[in-house]
Amino acid sequence: MLLIIFTMLNKGCERLGFETVDIANPLYRWFKTASLLPLMAVAKSRVSPLSRPPKYLLMSKGKLFSLYGCHLIH
């Protein structure tokens, strides 16, 4: 099982154990960037949303549990 996150807030995510993967399809990357622009404007980020392209963050279930423990919430 794999945890997949899509975000433009990907600076420093490697320290948390994530692997970053660029979005290969330029049309899909443009669509995701456009859909996140309102959120970035509301957040008033100091970084321009266009200067940091969106990426996928990936982490396996095993790595997640080994790094952060296995605390299941029911």
N, C-alpha and C. Protein backbone atom coordinates (compact mmCIF):
# COMPACT_ATOMS: atom_id res chain seq x y z
N MET A 1 0.84 -1.16 0.00
CA MET A 1 0.00 0.00 0.00
C MET A 1 0.90 1.23 0.00
N LEU A 2 0.42 2.28 -0.63
CA LEU A 2 1.23 3.48 -0.83
C LEU A 2 0.41 4.71 -0.48
N LEU A 3 1.01 5.64 0.21
CA LEU A 3 0.41 6.93 0.52
C LEU A 3 0.83 7.89 -0.58
N ILE A 4 -0.14 8.50 -1.27
CA ILE A 4 0.14 9.44 -2.35
C ILE A 4 -0.49 10.77 -2.00
N ILE A 5 0.32 11.83 -2.00
CA ILE A 5 -0.15 13.17 -1.69
C ILE A 5 0.19 14.07 -2.86
N PHE A 6 -0.73 14.94 -3.20
CA PHE A 6 -0.50 15.92 -4.26
C PHE A 6 -0.44 17.29 -3.60
N THR A 7 0.65 18.02 -3.78
CA THR A 7 0.77 19.31 -3.11
C THR A 7 1.75 20.23 -3.82
N MET A 8 1.60 21.51 -3.55
CA MET A 8 2.59 22.50 -3.97
C MET A 8 3.48 22.86 -2.79
N LEU A 9 3.14 22.38 -1.61
CA LEU A 9 3.94 22.64 -0.40
C LEU A 9 4.88 21.47 -0.19
N ASN A 10 5.87 21.37 -1.05
CA ASN A 10 6.74 20.19 -1.04
C ASN A 10 8.17 20.49 -0.63
N LYS A 11 8.44 21.67 -0.13
CA LYS A 11 9.79 22.02 0.29
C LYS A 11 10.10 21.31 1.62
N GLY A 12 11.20 20.58 1.66
CA GLY A 12 11.62 19.91 2.87
C GLY A 12 10.90 18.61 3.18
N CYS A 13 10.13 18.10 2.25
CA CYS A 13 9.36 16.89 2.52
C CYS A 13 10.24 15.64 2.59
N GLU A 14 11.44 15.70 2.02
CA GLU A 14 12.35 14.56 2.09
C GLU A 14 12.78 14.27 3.53
N ARG A 15 12.89 15.33 4.35
CA ARG A 15 13.27 15.15 5.76
C ARG A 15 12.21 14.35 6.52
N LEU A 16 10.97 14.41 6.05
CA LEU A 16 9.89 13.67 6.69
C LEU A 16 9.76 12.25 6.17
N GLY A 17 10.57 11.90 5.17
CA GLY A 17 10.57 10.54 4.66
C GLY A 17 9.83 10.35 3.34
N PHE A 18 9.34 11.42 2.75
CA PHE A 18 8.62 11.32 1.49
C PHE A 18 9.58 11.31 0.31
N GLU A 19 9.18 10.68 -0.76
CA GLU A 19 9.87 10.77 -2.04
C GLU A 19 9.05 11.70 -2.92
N THR A 20 9.72 12.56 -3.68
CA THR A 20 8.99 13.47 -4.56
C THR A 20 9.08 12.98 -5.99
N VAL A 21 7.98 13.14 -6.70
CA VAL A 21 7.90 12.75 -8.11
C VAL A 21 7.25 13.90 -8.87
N ASP A 22 7.93 14.35 -9.93
CA ASP A 22 7.35 15.39 -10.78
C ASP A 22 6.16 14.83 -11.55
N ILE A 23 5.23 15.71 -11.87
CA ILE A 23 4.09 15.33 -12.69
C ILE A 23 4.53 15.41 -14.14
N ALA A 24 4.49 14.30 -14.84
CA ALA A 24 5.03 14.22 -16.19
C ALA A 24 4.15 14.91 -17.23
N ASN A 25 2.86 14.77 -17.11
CA ASN A 25 1.94 15.32 -18.10
C ASN A 25 1.79 16.83 -17.88
N PRO A 26 2.21 17.68 -18.84
CA PRO A 26 2.15 19.12 -18.64
C PRO A 26 0.72 19.66 -18.54
N LEU A 27 -0.21 19.06 -19.23
CA LEU A 27 -1.60 19.51 -19.15
C LEU A 27 -2.18 19.24 -17.77
N TYR A 28 -1.92 18.07 -17.23
CA TYR A 28 -2.40 17.72 -15.90
C TYR A 28 -1.71 18.59 -14.84
N ARG A 29 -0.41 18.85 -15.00
CA ARG A 29 0.32 19.72 -14.08
C ARG A 29 -0.26 21.13 -14.10
N TRP A 30 -0.57 21.64 -15.29
CA TRP A 30 -1.18 22.97 -15.41
C TRP A 30 -2.55 23.00 -14.74
N PHE A 31 -3.37 21.97 -14.96
CA PHE A 31 -4.70 21.91 -14.36
C PHE A 31 -4.60 21.90 -12.84
N LYS A 32 -3.69 21.10 -12.27
CA LYS A 32 -3.53 21.03 -10.82
C LYS A 32 -3.00 22.35 -10.26
N THR A 33 -2.09 22.99 -10.97
CA THR A 33 -1.59 24.29 -10.52
C THR A 33 -2.73 25.30 -10.50
N ALA A 34 -3.52 25.34 -11.55
CA ALA A 34 -4.64 26.28 -11.62
C ALA A 34 -5.66 26.01 -10.51
N SER A 35 -5.88 24.75 -10.19
CA SER A 35 -6.87 24.43 -9.16
C SER A 35 -6.37 24.79 -7.76
N LEU A 36 -5.06 24.85 -7.56
CA LEU A 36 -4.51 25.19 -6.25
C LEU A 36 -4.21 26.68 -6.08
N LEU A 37 -4.28 27.46 -7.15
CA LEU A 37 -3.97 28.89 -7.05
C LEU A 37 -4.87 29.62 -6.05
N PRO A 38 -6.19 29.37 -6.02
CA PRO A 38 -7.01 30.06 -5.01
C PRO A 38 -6.61 29.72 -3.58
N LEU A 39 -6.25 28.48 -3.33
CA LEU A 39 -5.81 28.10 -1.99
C LEU A 39 -4.51 28.80 -1.61
N MET A 40 -3.60 28.89 -2.54
CA MET A 40 -2.33 29.56 -2.27
C MET A 40 -2.54 31.05 -2.06
N ALA A 41 -3.50 31.65 -2.77
CA ALA A 41 -3.79 33.07 -2.60
C ALA A 41 -4.39 33.33 -1.22
N VAL A 42 -5.26 32.46 -0.76
CA VAL A 42 -5.86 32.61 0.56
C VAL A 42 -4.81 32.42 1.65
N ALA A 43 -3.90 31.51 1.45
CA ALA A 43 -2.85 31.24 2.43
C ALA A 43 -1.82 32.37 2.49
N LYS A 44 -1.83 33.23 1.49
CA LYS A 44 -0.90 34.36 1.41
C LYS A 44 0.54 33.90 1.56
N SER A 45 0.87 32.91 0.79
CA SER A 45 2.22 32.36 0.81
C SER A 45 3.22 33.41 0.34
N ARG A 46 4.38 33.41 0.98
CA ARG A 46 5.44 34.34 0.56
C ARG A 46 6.06 33.90 -0.75
N VAL A 47 5.85 32.66 -1.13
CA VAL A 47 6.41 32.13 -2.36
C VAL A 47 5.35 32.16 -3.44
N SER A 48 5.73 32.58 -4.60
CA SER A 48 4.79 32.59 -5.72
C SER A 48 4.39 31.16 -6.07
N PRO A 49 3.08 30.89 -6.22
CA PRO A 49 2.65 29.54 -6.55
C PRO A 49 3.21 29.03 -7.87
N LEU A 50 3.55 29.94 -8.76
CA LEU A 50 4.07 29.51 -10.06
C LEU A 50 5.56 29.16 -9.99
N SER A 51 6.24 29.58 -8.93
CA SER A 51 7.67 29.27 -8.82
C SER A 51 7.91 27.87 -8.26
N ARG A 52 6.92 27.29 -7.61
CA ARG A 52 7.07 25.94 -7.05
C ARG A 52 6.00 25.04 -7.68
N PRO A 53 6.36 24.23 -8.66
CA PRO A 53 5.37 23.40 -9.33
C PRO A 53 4.85 22.30 -8.41
N PRO A 54 3.61 21.85 -8.63
CA PRO A 54 3.06 20.77 -7.81
C PRO A 54 3.80 19.46 -8.06
N LYS A 55 3.84 18.63 -7.03
CA LYS A 55 4.50 17.34 -7.12
C LYS A 55 3.68 16.30 -6.37
N TYR A 56 3.98 15.05 -6.68
CA TYR A 56 3.45 13.96 -5.89
C TYR A 56 4.43 13.65 -4.78
N LEU A 57 3.93 13.42 -3.58
CA LEU A 57 4.73 12.93 -2.47
C LEU A 57 4.32 11.50 -2.22
N LEU A 58 5.28 10.61 -2.14
CA LEU A 58 5.00 9.18 -2.00
C LEU A 58 5.69 8.63 -0.76
N MET A 59 4.98 7.73 -0.06
CA MET A 59 5.57 7.00 1.07
C MET A 59 4.83 5.68 1.20
N SER A 60 5.60 4.63 1.37
CA SER A 60 4.97 3.31 1.53
C SER A 60 4.38 3.20 2.93
N LYS A 61 3.41 2.33 3.07
CA LYS A 61 2.76 2.10 4.35
C LYS A 61 3.77 1.59 5.37
N GLY A 62 4.65 0.71 4.96
CA GLY A 62 5.68 0.18 5.86
C GLY A 62 6.61 1.26 6.37
N LYS A 63 7.02 2.15 5.47
CA LYS A 63 7.92 3.23 5.87
C LYS A 63 7.21 4.21 6.80
N LEU A 64 5.94 4.49 6.52
CA LEU A 64 5.15 5.37 7.37
C LEU A 64 5.08 4.82 8.79
N PHE A 65 4.76 3.54 8.91
CA PHE A 65 4.65 2.93 10.24
C PHE A 65 6.00 2.82 10.93
N SER A 66 7.06 2.56 10.18
CA SER A 66 8.38 2.46 10.81
C SER A 66 8.89 3.82 11.29
N LEU A 67 8.56 4.89 10.57
CA LEU A 67 9.02 6.21 10.97
C LEU A 67 8.17 6.82 12.08
N TYR A 68 6.86 6.63 11.99
CA TYR A 68 5.96 7.35 12.88
C TYR A 68 5.14 6.44 13.78
N GLY A 69 5.42 5.16 13.79
CA GLY A 69 4.71 4.24 14.68
C GLY A 69 3.42 3.74 14.07
N CYS A 70 2.89 2.72 14.68
CA CYS A 70 1.66 2.09 14.17
C CYS A 70 0.53 2.37 15.17
N HIS A 71 -0.03 3.54 15.10
CA HIS A 71 -1.13 3.91 15.99
C HIS A 71 -2.41 4.00 15.16
N LEU A 72 -3.11 2.91 15.09
CA LEU A 72 -4.34 2.88 14.32
C LEU A 72 -5.49 3.47 15.12
N ILE A 73 -6.28 4.27 14.49
CA ILE A 73 -7.44 4.89 15.12
C ILE A 73 -8.68 4.22 14.54
N HIS A 74 -9.52 3.72 15.38
CA HIS A 74 -10.75 3.06 14.90
C HIS A 74 -11.95 3.93 15.18
